Amino acid sequence: MSHHLVKYNALIIDTDIDRRMRLKTATSSVVQFKKVLLSNKLDDAREKINGSDIWDVFFLNYSLEQGEIAKFIKEAKEKKAGQDAAFILVLPAKDQESSTVASNVMIGADGFLFEPYSVDQLVEITDLAARVKAERSAEREKAALGFLLNDIMSQIDMIAYLKSVGYDVGRGIKRFRQMCEVFQALEGDSLKSYFEIAIEKFENAPFPEKIYQKNYKGASKRVKEKMEKKLLAQLEEGLIDDGGSDAAEANP
């Protein structure tokens, strides 16, 4: 069975037409590159990242102003078209000093391509793009797991409170189980990330003061019951917001 070769879309951004064409010609010698388009300014590149194409590599030339490059990289990473892309700065050979490289890393660059570049160096860029894509995907997954765990912890707090005041929380537990179903599909690095995030969140979780303070002493039985019914409605419908006053009240 033949090995499937991953192909990459690249966008070359450079103010000089000769440099743009030279880099595009070089990429044509690397089979990993698929579509390679050119932009002579960042505004034109912005239009391209607002389109339907997904970009894997951005080549940004040193002729562009550093602050503008940083701004563009931040914008592109926030869009679906560029969220997994590797941002490569194309620099002259004389800039291979650590101070220059360090300052460019600070603006969000993932790698560098020094002139004059070779085909082998461009192949290395495609390897870097693959690593960046995997890392960004993992970061988004970690963030999603973190948000889900926050919701689950709120659900646990709500169940604990309502159970403590004598309510049947069966429907809330059913929803809790549904929320946890995603964990059954986790494996490998995803499962490892889940354990790390779960341990950190549960270790650092504060006591759920807002919920337990609702059952304050001195409140009338009617006020308590009204608040508890509101929390029960939130529990069953998944409208958890720390028992906020805007939540819909359940009918008695």
Protein backbone atom coordinates (compact mmCIF):
# COMPACT_ATOMS: atom_id res chain seq x y z
CA MET A 1 0.00 0.00 0.00
CA SER A 2 1.43 3.38 -0.98
CA HIS A 3 2.14 5.97 1.70
CA HIS A 4 -0.26 8.91 1.55
CA LEU A 5 1.73 12.14 1.20
CA VAL A 6 0.29 15.13 3.06
CA LYS A 7 0.18 18.24 0.89
CA TYR A 8 0.43 21.79 2.20
CA ASN A 9 -1.06 25.10 1.07
CA ALA A 10 1.34 28.01 1.47
CA LEU A 11 1.06 31.77 1.24
CA ILE A 12 4.19 33.81 0.50
CA ILE A 13 4.01 37.41 1.72
CA ASP A 14 6.82 39.65 0.47
CA THR A 15 7.03 43.20 -0.87
CA ASP A 16 9.61 42.25 -3.52
CA ILE A 17 8.36 40.40 -6.63
CA ASP A 18 11.73 38.76 -7.38
CA ARG A 19 11.98 37.28 -3.89
CA ARG A 20 8.36 36.13 -4.02
CA MET A 21 8.89 34.34 -7.34
CA ARG A 22 12.20 32.83 -6.22
CA LEU A 23 10.59 31.26 -3.16
CA LYS A 24 7.59 30.02 -5.13
CA THR A 25 9.92 28.39 -7.67
CA ALA A 26 11.79 26.71 -4.82
CA THR A 27 8.55 25.35 -3.32
CA SER A 28 7.65 23.83 -6.70
CA SER A 29 10.63 21.50 -6.24
CA VAL A 30 9.17 20.15 -3.00
CA VAL A 31 6.37 17.63 -3.57
CA GLN A 32 4.83 18.33 -0.15
CA PHE A 33 3.65 21.76 -1.29
CA LYS A 34 0.30 21.90 -3.08
CA LYS A 35 -1.14 25.37 -3.67
CA VAL A 36 1.32 28.25 -3.22
CA LEU A 37 -0.05 31.77 -3.60
CA LEU A 38 1.68 35.16 -3.42
CA SER A 39 0.85 38.42 -1.64
CA ASN A 40 2.82 41.64 -1.89
CA LYS A 41 1.39 43.10 1.33
CA LEU A 42 -0.30 42.00 4.53
CA ASP A 43 -3.66 43.55 3.61
CA ASP A 44 -3.86 41.26 0.58
CA ALA A 45 -2.92 38.30 2.80
CA ARG A 46 -5.72 39.25 5.21
CA GLU A 47 -8.23 38.98 2.39
CA LYS A 48 -6.94 35.48 1.63
CA ILE A 49 -7.31 34.27 5.22
CA ASN A 50 -10.91 35.48 5.16
CA GLY A 51 -11.61 33.13 2.26
CA SER A 52 -12.49 29.45 2.27
CA ASP A 53 -8.94 28.10 1.82
CA ILE A 54 -7.12 26.53 4.76
CA TRP A 55 -3.46 27.55 4.99
CA ASP A 56 -0.69 25.34 6.35
CA VAL A 57 2.36 27.59 5.96
CA PHE A 58 2.79 31.36 5.85
CA PHE A 59 6.14 32.67 4.63
CA LEU A 60 6.61 36.24 5.89
CA ASN A 61 9.59 38.18 4.56
CA TYR A 62 11.84 40.36 6.71
CA SER A 63 10.91 43.36 4.54
CA LEU A 64 7.60 43.57 6.40
CA GLU A 65 7.42 45.68 9.56
CA GLN A 66 7.86 43.49 12.65
CA GLY A 67 4.92 44.96 14.58
CA GLU A 68 2.63 44.41 11.59
CA ILE A 69 3.87 40.81 11.24
CA ALA A 70 3.03 40.17 14.92
CA LYS A 71 -0.45 41.64 14.41
CA PHE A 72 -1.05 39.53 11.30
CA ILE A 73 0.09 36.30 12.97
CA LYS A 74 -2.26 36.92 15.91
CA GLU A 75 -5.18 37.61 13.55
CA ALA A 76 -4.47 34.56 11.38
CA LYS A 77 -4.25 32.21 14.37
CA GLU A 78 -7.71 33.33 15.44
CA LYS A 79 -9.26 32.36 12.11
CA LYS A 80 -10.06 28.85 10.93
CA ALA A 81 -8.04 29.47 7.75
CA GLY A 82 -4.82 29.95 9.71
CA GLN A 83 -5.37 28.44 13.15
CA ASP A 84 -3.17 25.40 12.45
CA ALA A 85 -0.63 27.08 10.17
CA ALA A 86 3.11 27.39 10.73
CA PHE A 87 4.35 30.98 10.48
CA ILE A 88 7.82 31.07 8.92
CA LEU A 89 9.97 34.21 8.77
CA VAL A 90 12.22 34.46 5.73
CA LEU A 91 15.42 36.21 6.81
CA PRO A 92 18.76 37.10 5.20
CA ALA A 93 21.74 34.93 6.13
CA LYS A 94 23.27 37.72 8.23
CA ASP A 95 20.31 37.55 10.63
CA GLN A 96 21.14 34.08 11.95
CA GLU A 97 22.21 35.67 15.24
CA SER A 98 20.46 34.53 18.40
CA SER A 99 19.21 38.04 19.23
CA THR A 100 17.39 38.37 15.90
CA VAL A 101 15.91 34.90 16.14
CA ALA A 102 14.78 35.53 19.74
CA SER A 103 13.05 38.81 18.85
CA ASN A 104 11.20 37.12 16.00
CA VAL A 105 10.06 34.22 18.17
CA MET A 106 8.47 36.82 20.45
CA ILE A 107 6.14 37.96 17.65
CA GLY A 108 4.72 34.48 17.19
CA ALA A 109 6.96 32.93 14.53
CA ASP A 110 7.16 29.13 14.51
CA GLY A 111 10.33 28.85 12.42
CA PHE A 112 12.83 30.52 10.12
CA LEU A 113 14.06 30.18 6.58
CA PHE A 114 17.41 31.84 5.89
CA GLU A 115 18.46 33.00 2.43
CA PRO A 116 19.82 31.40 0.37
CA TYR A 117 17.58 28.43 1.16
CA SER A 118 17.72 24.88 -0.18
CA VAL A 119 15.09 22.28 -1.08
CA ASP A 120 16.10 20.32 2.03
CA GLN A 121 15.36 23.34 4.20
CA LEU A 122 11.91 23.68 2.63
CA VAL A 123 11.22 20.00 3.31
CA GLU A 124 12.11 20.70 6.96
CA ILE A 125 9.52 23.49 6.94
CA THR A 126 6.81 20.98 5.94
CA ASP A 127 7.91 18.71 8.81
CA LEU A 128 7.64 21.70 11.15
CA ALA A 129 4.17 22.50 9.77
CA ALA A 130 3.03 18.96 10.64
CA ARG A 131 4.30 19.32 14.22
CA VAL A 132 2.68 22.74 14.62
CA LYS A 133 -0.67 21.43 13.34
CA ALA A 134 -0.59 18.56 15.85
CA GLU A 135 0.38 20.86 18.73
CA ARG A 136 -2.32 23.45 17.97
CA SER A 137 -4.95 20.70 17.69
CA ALA A 138 -3.85 19.33 21.07
CA GLU A 139 -4.05 22.80 22.64
CA ARG A 140 -7.62 23.26 21.41
CA GLU A 141 -8.56 19.82 22.72
CA LYS A 142 -7.09 20.67 26.15
CA ALA A 143 -9.09 23.90 26.24
CA ALA A 144 -12.30 22.04 25.32
CA LEU A 145 -11.66 19.43 28.03
CA GLY A 146 -11.06 22.22 30.53
CA PHE A 147 -14.39 23.90 29.74
CA LEU A 148 -16.22 20.57 29.95
CA LEU A 149 -14.65 19.79 33.33
CA ASN A 150 -15.73 23.22 34.61
CA ASP A 151 -19.32 22.40 33.64
CA ILE A 152 -19.10 18.94 35.22
CA MET A 153 -17.72 20.36 38.47
CA SER A 154 -20.60 22.88 38.59
CA GLN A 155 -23.03 20.00 38.04
CA ILE A 156 -21.45 18.05 40.91
CA ASP A 157 -21.80 21.08 43.22
CA MET A 158 -25.44 21.50 42.24
CA ILE A 159 -26.24 17.81 42.76
CA ALA A 160 -24.53 17.83 46.16
CA TYR A 161 -26.46 20.88 47.34
CA LEU A 162 -29.89 19.72 46.18
CA LYS A 163 -29.32 16.23 47.55
CA SER A 164 -28.39 17.78 50.90
CA VAL A 165 -31.76 19.54 51.12
CA GLY A 166 -33.74 16.43 50.22
CA TYR A 167 -34.44 16.78 46.51
CA ASP A 168 -34.54 13.85 44.08
CA VAL A 169 -31.57 14.54 41.79
CA GLY A 170 -32.04 11.52 39.52
CA ARG A 171 -32.53 13.59 36.36
CA GLY A 172 -29.53 15.74 37.24
CA ILE A 173 -27.36 12.62 37.64
CA LYS A 174 -28.62 11.36 34.28
CA ARG A 175 -27.43 14.60 32.66
CA PHE A 176 -24.14 14.33 34.57
CA ARG A 177 -23.56 10.89 33.04
CA GLN A 178 -24.30 12.28 29.56
CA MET A 179 -21.73 15.03 30.11
CA CYS A 180 -19.12 12.41 31.04
CA GLU A 181 -19.72 10.22 27.97
CA VAL A 182 -17.06 12.04 25.94
CA PHE A 183 -14.37 10.70 28.28
CA GLN A 184 -15.05 7.13 27.15
CA ALA A 185 -13.68 7.95 23.69
CA LEU A 186 -10.39 9.40 24.97
CA GLU A 187 -7.19 7.47 24.39
CA GLY A 188 -3.45 8.03 24.04
CA ASP A 189 -2.33 11.65 24.46
CA SER A 190 -5.94 12.81 24.78
CA LEU A 191 -6.50 10.56 27.79
CA LYS A 192 -3.21 11.69 29.31
CA SER A 193 -4.26 15.34 28.90
CA TYR A 194 -7.61 14.62 30.54
CA PHE A 195 -5.98 13.10 33.63
CA GLU A 196 -3.59 16.06 33.95
CA ILE A 197 -6.36 18.65 33.58
CA ALA A 198 -8.79 16.80 35.85
CA ILE A 199 -6.24 16.43 38.66
CA GLU A 200 -5.27 20.10 38.43
CA LYS A 201 -8.87 21.37 38.38
CA PHE A 202 -10.14 19.19 41.20
CA GLU A 203 -7.10 19.96 43.37
CA ASN A 204 -7.55 23.72 42.88
CA ALA A 205 -11.36 23.79 42.96
CA PRO A 206 -12.69 26.31 45.52
CA PHE A 207 -15.44 25.43 47.96
CA PRO A 208 -18.75 26.16 46.17
CA GLU A 209 -19.64 29.08 48.45
CA LYS A 210 -22.20 30.71 46.16
CA ILE A 211 -24.39 27.63 46.03
CA TYR A 212 -24.21 26.76 49.69
CA GLN A 213 -24.81 30.35 50.77
CA LYS A 214 -28.24 30.14 49.14
CA ASN A 215 -29.32 27.98 52.07
CA TYR A 216 -28.50 30.77 54.53
CA LYS A 217 -29.86 30.71 58.05
CA GLY A 218 -32.75 33.01 58.75
CA ALA A 219 -34.44 32.57 55.38
CA SER A 220 -38.08 31.60 55.49
CA LYS A 221 -39.06 28.10 54.42
CA ARG A 222 -40.87 29.59 51.39
CA VAL A 223 -37.76 31.52 50.23
CA LYS A 224 -35.58 28.44 50.65
CA GLU A 225 -37.96 26.25 48.68
CA LYS A 226 -38.23 28.81 45.91
CA MET A 227 -34.45 28.97 45.55
CA GLU A 228 -34.10 25.20 45.67
CA LYS A 229 -36.71 24.73 42.94
CA LYS A 230 -34.83 27.24 40.78
CA LEU A 231 -31.57 25.31 41.29
CA LEU A 232 -33.32 22.02 40.54
CA ALA A 233 -34.60 23.44 37.23
CA GLN A 234 -31.07 24.53 36.36
CA LEU A 235 -29.69 21.14 37.28
CA GLU A 236 -32.09 19.26 35.04
CA GLU A 237 -31.93 21.65 32.09
CA GLY A 238 -28.20 22.28 32.20
CA LEU A 239 -28.64 26.01 32.80
CA ILE A 240 -25.96 26.17 35.46
CA ASP A 241 -24.81 29.70 36.24
CA ASP A 242 -24.12 29.49 39.96
CA GLY A 243 -27.84 29.83 40.74
CA GLY A 244 -28.07 33.31 39.23
CA SER A 245 -31.22 35.33 39.77
CA ASP A 246 -32.05 35.45 36.07
CA ALA A 247 -32.61 31.70 35.72
CA ALA A 248 -36.16 30.56 35.01
CA GLU A 249 -38.02 29.30 38.03
CA ALA A 250 -39.44 25.80 37.99
CA ASN A 251 -43.14 25.38 38.54
CA PRO A 252 -43.99 23.84 41.91
